[in-house]
Protein backbone atom coordinates (compact mmCIF):
# COMPACT_ATOMS: atom_id res chain seq x y z
CA MET A 1 39.10 36.23 -20.71
CA THR A 2 42.46 35.37 -19.37
CA ILE A 3 45.81 34.66 -21.45
CA LYS A 4 45.01 31.01 -20.49
CA HIS A 5 41.91 30.80 -22.52
CA LYS A 6 43.43 33.26 -25.16
CA LEU A 7 46.00 30.78 -25.86
CA ILE A 8 43.74 27.57 -26.05
CA ILE A 9 41.32 29.26 -28.30
CA SER A 10 44.43 30.37 -30.69
CA HIS A 11 45.43 26.65 -30.31
CA VAL A 12 42.14 25.00 -31.24
CA VAL A 13 42.04 27.34 -34.07
CA VAL A 14 45.09 26.52 -35.31
CA PHE A 15 44.26 22.80 -35.23
CA ILE A 16 40.70 23.58 -36.94
CA VAL A 17 42.00 26.40 -39.54
CA PRO A 18 43.37 23.40 -41.50
CA VAL A 19 40.85 20.83 -41.49
CA MET A 20 38.54 23.69 -42.33
CA MET A 21 40.90 24.37 -45.19
CA THR A 22 41.44 21.19 -46.08
CA ALA A 23 37.76 20.06 -46.41
CA LEU A 24 37.25 23.52 -48.63
CA VAL A 25 40.21 22.72 -50.77
CA ILE A 26 38.41 19.16 -51.20
CA ILE A 27 34.91 20.50 -52.07
CA ILE A 28 36.36 23.36 -54.22
CA CYS A 29 38.56 20.57 -55.94
CA GLY A 30 35.53 18.63 -56.56
CA LEU A 31 33.63 21.82 -57.92
CA GLY A 32 36.02 22.00 -60.10
CA LEU A 33 36.16 18.57 -61.44
CA LEU A 34 32.35 18.52 -62.09
CA SER A 35 32.50 22.22 -64.14
CA PHE A 36 35.25 20.20 -65.45
CA ALA A 37 33.22 17.20 -67.18
CA LYS A 38 29.93 19.34 -67.45
CA ASN A 39 31.88 21.47 -69.81
CA GLY A 40 32.53 18.16 -72.14
CA ASN A 41 36.20 17.94 -70.53
CA HIS A 42 37.14 14.32 -70.17
CA ILE A 43 40.31 12.01 -68.85
CA TYR A 44 41.72 10.06 -71.49
CA VAL A 45 43.76 6.85 -70.22
CA GLU A 46 46.98 7.32 -72.40
CA SER A 47 49.13 4.72 -70.89
CA ALA A 48 49.60 1.32 -68.95
CA TRP A 49 50.34 3.67 -65.23
CA GLU A 50 47.69 5.72 -66.27
CA PHE A 51 44.82 3.17 -66.65
CA GLN A 52 46.32 1.21 -63.57
CA HIS A 53 45.19 4.29 -61.41
CA ALA A 54 41.80 4.59 -63.00
CA CYS A 55 41.09 0.98 -62.43
CA GLU A 56 41.94 1.54 -59.15
CA ALA A 57 39.69 4.56 -58.84
CA VAL A 58 36.92 3.06 -60.34
CA HIS A 59 37.34 0.02 -57.82
CA LYS A 60 36.56 2.16 -55.29
CA ILE A 61 33.81 3.79 -56.54
CA ILE A 62 31.75 0.53 -57.59
CA PHE A 63 32.66 -1.36 -54.26
CA ASN A 64 31.76 0.90 -51.52
CA LYS A 65 29.27 0.47 -49.57
CA ASN A 66 28.22 4.45 -50.97
CA SER A 67 29.46 4.04 -54.31
CA SER A 68 26.56 6.05 -55.86
CA VAL A 69 28.16 9.08 -54.09
CA GLY A 70 31.17 8.51 -56.57
CA TYR A 71 29.83 7.66 -59.53
CA TRP A 72 29.82 10.93 -61.23
CA LEU A 73 33.20 11.03 -61.04
CA ILE A 74 33.45 8.23 -63.32
CA GLY A 75 31.92 10.59 -65.93
CA LEU A 76 34.74 12.44 -65.89
CA LEU A 77 36.25 9.53 -68.02
CA ALA A 78 36.08 9.90 -72.09
CA PRO A 79 33.04 7.61 -73.36
CA GLU A 80 34.44 6.88 -76.57
CA GLN A 81 37.11 5.56 -75.20
CA ASN A 82 36.53 3.73 -72.19
CA TYR A 83 33.45 0.64 -71.42
CA ILE A 84 32.79 0.25 -68.11
CA ARG A 85 29.61 -2.47 -66.83
CA VAL A 86 29.08 -3.60 -63.48
CA LEU A 87 27.03 -7.45 -62.95
CA GLU A 88 24.87 -8.46 -60.21
CA GLU A 89 24.36 -11.98 -60.70
CA ASP A 90 25.05 -11.55 -64.55
CA LYS A 91 22.30 -8.54 -64.32
CA VAL A 92 23.97 -5.62 -65.95
CA ILE A 93 22.93 -2.61 -62.97
CA TYR A 94 25.69 0.15 -64.26
CA SER A 95 26.84 0.64 -67.42
CA TYR A 96 29.03 3.23 -69.15
CA GLY A 97 31.24 4.39 -72.22
CA ASN A 98 31.07 3.09 -75.47
CA GLU A 99 29.86 -0.65 -75.67
CA SER A 100 31.24 -1.07 -79.19
CA LEU A 101 34.49 -2.03 -76.56
CA GLN A 102 32.87 -4.52 -74.69
CA SER A 103 33.72 -7.05 -77.66
CA ILE A 104 37.15 -6.44 -76.53
CA GLY A 105 37.06 -7.68 -73.48
CA LYS A 106 34.47 -10.79 -73.65
CA ASN A 107 36.67 -11.75 -76.33
CA LEU A 108 39.88 -11.58 -74.11
CA LEU A 109 37.79 -13.58 -71.50
CA GLU A 110 36.55 -16.18 -73.87
CA ASP A 111 40.16 -17.28 -75.13
CA SER A 112 41.94 -16.75 -71.40
CA ASP A 113 42.68 -20.18 -70.06
CA LEU A 114 40.57 -18.63 -66.36
CA ASN A 115 38.20 -20.98 -64.75
CA LEU A 116 35.98 -18.24 -63.19
CA GLY A 117 33.27 -20.77 -61.37
CA ASP A 118 32.09 -18.67 -58.02
CA LYS A 119 35.45 -17.48 -56.88
CA GLU A 120 36.31 -13.75 -56.54
CA PHE A 121 39.35 -13.04 -58.74
CA THR A 122 40.64 -9.54 -60.48
CA TYR A 123 42.44 -9.96 -63.97
CA THR A 124 44.18 -7.24 -65.82
CA ASN A 125 45.80 -7.04 -68.80
CA THR A 126 47.58 -5.19 -71.44
CA LEU A 127 46.87 -5.05 -75.00
CA GLU A 128 48.76 -3.70 -77.87
CA ASN A 129 46.10 -1.09 -78.51
CA ASP A 130 43.94 -1.62 -75.51
CA PHE A 131 43.59 -2.22 -71.56
CA VAL A 132 41.35 -4.90 -69.88
CA TYR A 133 40.39 -5.29 -66.55
CA PHE A 134 38.07 -8.03 -64.64
CA GLU A 135 36.98 -8.11 -61.19
CA ARG A 136 34.52 -10.23 -59.28
CA GLN A 137 33.47 -9.29 -55.53
CA ILE A 138 30.69 -11.00 -53.37
CA PHE A 139 28.47 -9.20 -50.98
CA ASN A 140 25.63 -10.96 -49.19
CA GLY A 141 25.90 -14.37 -51.20
CA LYS A 142 26.02 -12.43 -54.47
CA ASN A 143 28.56 -12.06 -57.26
CA TYR A 144 29.53 -8.42 -58.52
CA SER A 145 31.25 -8.44 -61.76
CA LEU A 146 33.36 -5.67 -63.06
CA TYR A 147 34.36 -5.09 -66.23
CA PHE A 148 36.62 -2.14 -67.66
CA VAL A 149 38.37 -1.75 -71.05
CA SER A 150 40.07 1.04 -72.87
CA GLU A 151 41.30 1.80 -75.78
CA ARG A 152 44.73 2.95 -76.02
CA SER A 153 44.49 6.47 -77.58
CA ILE A 154 46.46 10.03 -77.78
CA HIS A 155 44.41 13.22 -77.34
CA ASP A 156 45.40 16.89 -76.47
CA GLU A 157 42.01 17.28 -74.26
CA ASP A 158 44.08 16.23 -71.54
CA LYS A 159 45.90 19.92 -71.19
CA ALA A 160 42.86 21.19 -70.15
CA LEU A 161 42.81 18.47 -66.85
CA GLU A 162 46.23 19.19 -66.65
CA SER A 163 45.72 22.87 -66.19
CA ALA A 164 43.21 22.72 -63.74
CA LEU A 165 45.32 20.64 -61.66
CA GLN A 166 48.03 22.60 -61.62
CA SER A 167 45.95 25.58 -61.01
CA THR A 168 44.40 23.28 -58.03
CA VAL A 169 48.13 22.98 -56.75
CA TYR A 170 48.62 26.70 -57.22
CA PHE A 171 46.00 27.19 -55.12
CA VAL A 172 46.65 24.83 -52.13
CA VAL A 173 49.95 26.14 -51.87
CA GLY A 174 49.18 29.57 -52.27
CA SER A 175 46.34 29.16 -49.62
CA LEU A 176 48.99 27.44 -47.24
CA ILE A 177 51.41 30.18 -47.69
CA ILE A 178 48.69 32.87 -47.05
CA PHE A 179 47.41 31.19 -43.98
CA VAL A 180 50.52 30.85 -42.46
CA LEU A 181 51.16 34.25 -42.75
CA ALA A 182 48.04 35.02 -41.24
CA THR A 183 48.27 32.85 -38.15
CA SER A 184 52.05 34.09 -37.71
CA TRP A 185 50.92 37.78 -37.70
CA LEU A 186 47.72 37.04 -35.49
CA LEU A 187 49.44 34.92 -33.03
CA SER A 188 52.50 38.29 -32.86
CA ARG A 189 49.40 40.64 -32.83
CA PHE A 190 48.22 38.53 -29.84
CA ILE A 191 51.70 37.87 -27.77
CA LEU A 192 52.53 41.86 -28.49
CA LYS A 193 48.83 43.34 -27.22
CA ASN A 194 48.10 40.76 -24.57
CA ILE A 195 52.08 40.17 -23.17
CA LEU A 196 54.70 42.50 -24.66
CA LEU A 197 52.59 45.60 -24.35
CA PRO A 198 52.52 44.81 -20.31
CA LEU A 199 55.78 43.71 -20.11
CA LYS A 200 56.43 47.20 -21.59
CA LYS A 201 54.68 48.84 -19.14
CA LEU A 202 55.95 47.26 -16.09
CA GLN A 203 59.85 47.98 -17.50
CA VAL A 204 58.52 52.17 -17.88
CA GLY A 205 57.07 52.28 -14.55
CA ALA A 206 60.26 50.29 -13.21
CA GLU A 207 62.04 52.59 -14.69
CA LYS A 208 60.46 55.58 -13.14
CA ILE A 209 60.93 53.92 -9.58
CA ARG A 210 64.49 53.84 -9.76
CA VAL A 211 65.30 57.56 -10.72
CA GLY A 212 62.66 58.18 -7.49
CA ASN A 213 59.43 58.84 -9.00
CA LEU A 214 57.17 56.44 -6.63
CA GLU A 215 53.78 58.10 -7.46
CA VAL A 216 53.81 55.59 -10.78
CA GLU A 217 50.27 54.02 -10.62
CA LEU A 218 50.18 51.09 -13.36
CA GLN A 219 46.49 50.81 -15.74
CA HIS A 220 45.48 47.37 -17.04
CA PRO A 221 41.85 47.03 -18.38
CA SER A 222 42.15 43.22 -19.04
CA ASP A 223 40.95 40.78 -16.40
CA ASP A 224 43.81 38.49 -16.77
CA GLU A 225 47.07 36.90 -15.27
CA ILE A 226 48.90 40.29 -16.11
CA LYS A 227 46.57 42.35 -13.86
CA PRO A 228 47.45 40.52 -10.43
CA VAL A 229 50.97 41.70 -11.66
CA MET A 230 49.99 45.01 -12.12
CA GLU A 231 48.13 45.37 -8.71
CA THR A 232 51.14 43.98 -6.87
CA PHE A 233 53.46 46.74 -8.28
CA ASN A 234 51.01 49.24 -7.73
CA LEU A 235 50.99 48.35 -4.48
CA MET A 236 54.85 47.75 -3.89
CA ALA A 237 55.29 51.12 -5.17
CA GLN A 238 52.57 52.32 -2.69
CA LYS A 239 54.71 50.45 -0.29
CA LEU A 240 58.23 52.08 -1.25
CA SER A 241 56.53 55.54 -1.00
CA GLU A 242 55.20 55.09 2.68
CA SER A 243 58.53 53.65 3.47
CA LEU A 244 60.05 56.50 1.91
CA LYS A 245 58.15 58.94 3.66
CA GLU A 246 58.37 57.00 7.08
CA SER A 247 62.21 56.73 6.82
CA LYS A 248 62.08 60.20 5.89
CA LEU A 249 59.91 61.19 9.03
CA GLN A 250 62.42 58.94 11.43
CA GLU A 251 65.26 60.84 10.08
CA GLU A 252 63.77 63.92 11.30
CA ASN A 253 63.06 62.33 14.31
CA ARG A 254 66.09 60.75 14.88
CA LYS A 255 67.65 64.49 14.25
CA GLU A 256 65.26 65.96 16.91
CA LEU A 257 66.06 63.29 19.15
CA VAL A 258 69.53 63.67 18.63
CA ALA A 259 69.07 67.90 19.46
CA SER A 260 66.80 67.13 22.55
CA ILE A 261 69.44 64.98 23.95
CA SER A 262 72.46 67.33 23.28
CA HIS A 263 70.41 70.08 25.17
CA ASP A 264 68.71 67.65 28.00
CA LEU A 265 72.28 66.59 28.52
CA ARG A 266 74.41 70.00 28.17
CA THR A 267 71.94 71.59 30.80
CA PRO A 268 72.93 69.60 33.83
CA LEU A 269 76.57 69.22 32.53
CA THR A 270 76.69 72.77 32.36
CA THR A 271 75.64 73.14 36.00
CA ILE A 272 77.86 70.64 37.04
CA LYS A 273 80.71 72.12 34.90
CA ALA A 274 79.88 75.60 36.86
CA TYR A 275 79.60 74.38 40.39
CA VAL A 276 83.04 72.32 40.01
CA GLU A 277 84.73 75.58 38.77
CA GLY A 278 83.24 77.25 41.56
CA LEU A 279 84.89 74.58 44.00
CA ILE A 280 88.20 74.87 41.90
CA ASP A 281 88.21 78.57 42.48
CA ASN A 282 87.42 78.85 46.16
CA VAL A 283 84.10 80.27 45.43
CA ALA A 284 82.90 78.52 48.31
CA ASP A 285 84.96 79.48 50.78
CA THR A 286 83.21 78.19 53.39
CA PRO A 287 81.54 74.59 54.54
CA ASP A 288 78.19 75.52 54.05
CA LYS A 289 78.45 76.96 50.28
CA LYS A 290 81.04 74.07 49.58
CA LEU A 291 78.26 71.59 51.11
CA ARG A 292 75.12 73.51 48.90
CA TYR A 293 77.34 73.16 45.72
CA LEU A 294 78.15 69.53 46.32
CA GLN A 295 74.64 68.91 46.86
CA VAL A 296 73.55 70.78 43.68
CA ILE A 297 76.43 68.58 41.68
CA LYS A 298 74.49 65.25 42.93
CA LYS A 299 71.50 66.51 41.76
CA LYS A 300 72.13 67.38 38.13
CA ALA A 301 74.20 63.99 38.17
CA ASP A 302 71.25 62.14 39.58
CA GLU A 303 69.07 63.65 36.31
CA LEU A 304 71.99 62.72 34.30
CA ASN A 305 71.79 58.69 34.93
CA ASN A 306 68.00 58.97 35.14
CA LEU A 307 68.41 60.53 31.78
CA ILE A 308 70.46 57.80 30.83
CA GLU A 309 68.34 54.86 32.17
CA GLN A 310 65.26 56.39 30.26
CA LEU A 311 67.46 56.46 26.97
CA PHE A 312 68.61 52.70 27.24
CA LEU A 313 65.18 51.76 28.42
CA PHE A 314 63.81 53.44 24.96
CA SER A 315 66.23 51.86 23.26
CA LYS A 316 65.33 48.40 24.43
CA VAL A 317 61.60 48.85 23.75
CA SER A 318 62.29 50.57 20.60
CA LEU A 319 63.98 47.18 19.60
CA GLY A 320 61.20 45.55 20.80
CA GLU A 321 60.09 41.83 22.09
CA LYS A 322 63.67 40.32 21.42
CA ALA A 323 65.19 42.94 23.78
CA VAL A 324 62.56 42.15 26.51
CA PRO A 325 61.15 38.76 27.24
CA PHE A 326 57.81 38.02 27.84
CA GLU A 327 55.76 36.74 30.36
CA LEU A 328 52.25 35.61 31.51
CA ILE A 329 51.02 38.25 34.05
CA ASP A 330 48.16 38.39 36.28
CA LEU A 331 46.72 41.79 36.10
CA LYS A 332 45.06 42.02 39.41
CA SER A 333 48.07 40.23 41.08
CA MET A 334 50.50 42.87 39.45
CA LEU A 335 48.69 45.64 40.15
CA GLU A 336 48.40 44.73 43.82
CA PHE A 337 52.16 44.43 43.96
CA PHE A 338 52.96 47.88 42.26
CA VAL A 339 50.36 49.86 44.47
CA SER A 340 51.72 48.36 47.87
CA GLU A 341 55.11 48.92 46.75
CA ASN A 342 54.82 52.87 45.82
CA LEU A 343 52.23 54.01 48.04
CA TYR A 344 54.61 55.09 50.79
CA VAL A 345 56.33 57.41 47.71
CA TRP A 346 53.28 58.53 46.43
CA ARG A 347 52.08 59.68 50.15
CA LYS A 348 55.15 61.28 50.72
CA SER A 349 54.69 63.55 47.91
CA GLN A 350 51.27 63.89 48.84
CA ALA A 351 49.92 62.23 46.10
CA GLU A 352 46.31 60.11 46.95
CA VAL A 353 46.52 57.14 44.37
CA THR A 354 43.65 54.17 44.65
CA LEU A 355 43.30 50.95 42.30
CA GLU A 356 39.82 49.45 41.93
CA ILE A 357 39.54 46.57 39.86
CA LYS A 358 36.24 45.44 37.98
CA SER A 359 37.29 41.73 36.69
CA ASN A 360 41.09 40.36 35.90
CA ALA A 361 42.66 38.57 33.03
CA LYS A 362 46.25 37.56 31.80
CA ILE A 363 47.97 38.87 29.34
CA LEU A 364 51.83 38.09 27.22
CA GLY A 365 53.72 41.17 28.34
CA SER A 366 56.61 42.21 30.29
CA PHE A 367 56.02 42.94 34.00
CA LEU A 368 59.13 45.23 34.29
CA LEU A 369 57.21 47.30 31.35
CA LEU A 370 53.98 47.42 32.50
CA GLU A 371 55.06 48.79 35.94
CA ARG A 372 57.19 50.85 33.83
CA ILE A 373 54.56 52.27 31.93
CA LEU A 374 52.03 53.21 34.73
CA SER A 375 55.37 54.68 36.62
CA ASN A 376 55.93 56.99 33.68
CA ILE A 377 52.17 57.60 33.50
CA ILE A 378 51.84 58.93 37.22
CA ASP A 379 54.84 60.16 37.75
CA ASN A 380 54.47 62.92 35.00
CA SER A 381 50.93 63.50 36.59
CA ILE A 382 52.43 64.05 39.80
CA LYS A 383 55.09 66.29 38.40
CA TYR A 384 52.63 68.62 36.67
CA ARG A 385 49.82 68.78 39.20
CA SER A 386 47.88 71.93 39.46
CA GLU A 387 46.86 70.99 43.01
CA LYS A 388 48.49 70.34 46.51
CA ASN A 389 46.33 67.49 47.19
CA PHE A 390 47.31 65.07 44.22
CA ALA A 391 44.35 62.02 43.21
CA CYS A 392 45.11 59.42 41.11
CA LYS A 393 43.01 56.75 40.29
CA ILE A 394 44.22 53.06 38.32
CA ASN A 395 40.67 51.32 37.07
CA LEU A 396 40.88 47.72 35.31
CA LYS A 397 38.41 45.87 33.57
CA VAL A 398 37.79 43.41 30.65
CA GLU A 399 35.06 43.64 27.86
CA LYS A 400 35.18 41.93 24.65
CA LYS A 401 38.66 39.95 25.18
CA ILE A 402 40.55 43.47 25.70
CA ALA A 403 42.30 44.69 29.02
CA ILE A 404 41.06 47.83 29.69
CA LEU A 405 43.58 49.86 32.09
CA SER A 406 43.04 53.54 33.28
CA VAL A 407 44.87 56.30 35.05
CA SER A 408 42.94 59.42 35.73
CA ASP A 409 44.15 62.36 37.97
CA ASN A 410 43.02 65.68 38.72
CA GLY A 411 46.03 67.73 37.48
CA ILE A 412 46.27 70.98 35.05
CA GLY A 413 45.58 68.33 31.60
CA VAL A 414 46.92 68.90 28.06
CA PRO A 415 46.00 71.22 25.25
CA HIS A 416 43.58 69.59 22.82
CA ASP A 417 46.29 70.07 20.30
CA SER A 418 49.01 68.22 22.18
CA LEU A 419 47.30 65.00 23.13
CA LYS A 420 48.38 63.55 20.07
CA LYS A 421 51.99 64.34 20.47
CA LEU A 422 52.72 63.47 24.48
CA THR A 423 54.46 59.77 23.12
CA GLU A 424 56.79 62.13 20.73
CA PRO A 425 60.54 61.78 22.65
CA PHE A 426 61.12 64.76 24.67
CA TYR A 427 58.29 66.13 23.48
CA ARG A 428 56.94 68.82 26.39
CA THR A 429 53.71 71.55 26.49
CA ASP A 430 54.26 74.81 26.74
CA LYS A 431 52.79 74.60 30.39
CA ALA A 432 55.61 71.53 30.93
CA ARG A 433 58.64 73.62 30.04
CA SER A 434 59.29 75.66 33.24
CA HIS A 435 59.64 71.84 34.94
CA THR A 436 61.77 70.77 32.47
CA GLU A 437 64.36 69.89 35.22
CA ASN A 438 61.90 67.24 36.54
CA GLY A 439 61.60 64.82 33.57
CA THR A 440 63.41 63.50 30.62
CA GLY A 441 60.83 63.92 28.06
CA LEU A 442 60.91 60.08 27.70
CA GLY A 443 58.54 58.69 29.88
CA LEU A 444 55.47 58.89 27.73
CA ALA A 445 57.56 57.86 24.48
CA ILE A 446 58.45 55.15 26.49
CA ALA A 447 55.48 53.69 27.81
CA SER A 448 53.54 54.31 24.26
CA LYS A 449 56.24 51.97 22.60
CA ALA A 450 56.25 49.55 25.43
CA VAL A 451 51.89 49.15 25.38
CA GLU A 452 52.89 48.48 21.46
CA MET A 453 55.55 45.75 21.85
CA MET A 454 52.59 43.92 23.98
CA ASN A 455 50.52 44.81 20.96
CA GLY A 456 47.83 47.23 22.36
CA SER A 457 47.52 50.77 22.51
CA ILE A 458 47.55 53.99 24.33
CA THR A 459 45.50 57.05 24.16
CA PHE A 460 44.83 60.28 26.32
CA GLU A 461 41.95 62.73 26.85
CA ASN A 462 41.43 65.53 28.75
CA LEU A 463 38.65 65.29 31.97
CA THR A 464 36.11 67.89 33.01
CA PRO A 465 36.35 70.17 34.62
CA HIS A 466 40.58 69.27 34.78
CA GLY A 467 42.65 66.09 34.54
CA LEU A 468 44.06 63.90 32.00
CA LYS A 469 42.92 60.12 31.59
CA VAL A 470 45.65 57.44 30.00
CA VAL A 471 43.81 54.46 28.36
CA ILE A 472 45.79 51.55 27.82
CA GLU A 473 44.35 48.02 26.04
CA LEU A 474 45.81 45.08 26.16
CA PRO A 475 44.60 41.89 23.98
CA ILE A 476 44.13 39.25 27.23
CA LEU A 477 44.78 35.46 26.74
CA LYS A 478 42.61 34.51 29.50
CA GLU A 479 39.36 36.37 31.39
CA LEU A 480 39.74 35.50 35.04
CA ASP A 481 37.10 35.97 38.05
């Protein structure tokens, strides 16, 4: 049950209980008065004020549509002190009390100057020792008359009624106090159990997160409004934990990246410095040696320049789409242009690259990034080829609104344990370590980041008997014929 439903029920209960309690008090008071009357106790009229209230009560009982329900209340009046008579068209339909007192009212009525006729009237008179009340009402064309005569007297029997009324007042007040206290206790218990305790759990959980415990998980058995808050808190803690682990991993990768950059920069710089010192010290004492020294220096400078360019591109793709603008790209046209532009360079390196297009599509991406992705993959394959006549095949097809671009070669392949690490910056397999002077170790990392930017994926798999296949999947905007 939700907290909202519980609050609604509690408010309904708070409304209904006082009504039920009032009804109970009325019933108890009625039963008390009934018991009071059955035990021979009666009410005595001792003053004009008391007689006036007695007249009002008798009037409501007699002339009420359901008067028979309250007739027993008239029996509370002392019969020896009071006389009540009700007539319907001069016919007595109800009488109670001391009939000897009717002469008082009769004589008074006969001696008065009232012109009764058939009109409704109410008449009250207070004599020295008696009280008289006359009333006429007309219902459904019939005359109804009420005679109420009370003899003034003082009795000690009223103390029983006063005691009963006092006990009733004490009971009502005590019941109200108990009800208020019980309601306050129940509502406090409800708030404590359903609201304050979950808030305390959240506070304790937040404190644990503050001190670094991100493995905290809060439990809330009730299926109410607090449960989604607890689930969101647990999800937040989980995300914070994952973010912290990711930050630590990124920090470790950053340190490894800096170390790798330092190593890859130091190697050519050390070579350049050594050859420059050789020129300064006139170690290269012949024109041929000087030329060879300068060629080595240029080669190492080119390696440094290539590494810096790769680092710059890696930084750009790491920043995302904002650093590299996207455009609509026709994959078939892009691949044909790329192959034709690089075919001469590949053949010069004794590498045969072929293109096979089974279906075409348009994607949203970067033309330059796609060229760099393919160049890095193919250049990487050429550098680590196992055969002199190297063959590479580029294939394009479309399946289920996904463009699948694959590059397969007949090289040495990659150890199975290293397949998932190929996209890590500066990662090189054991077989490739002897070729560190030919590459920066960033090519496949750049390719992976670039594909990720275009909402795609890149995977690597070994071919049989040897070779490597790189599969790039990119979402398409429109399939072309």
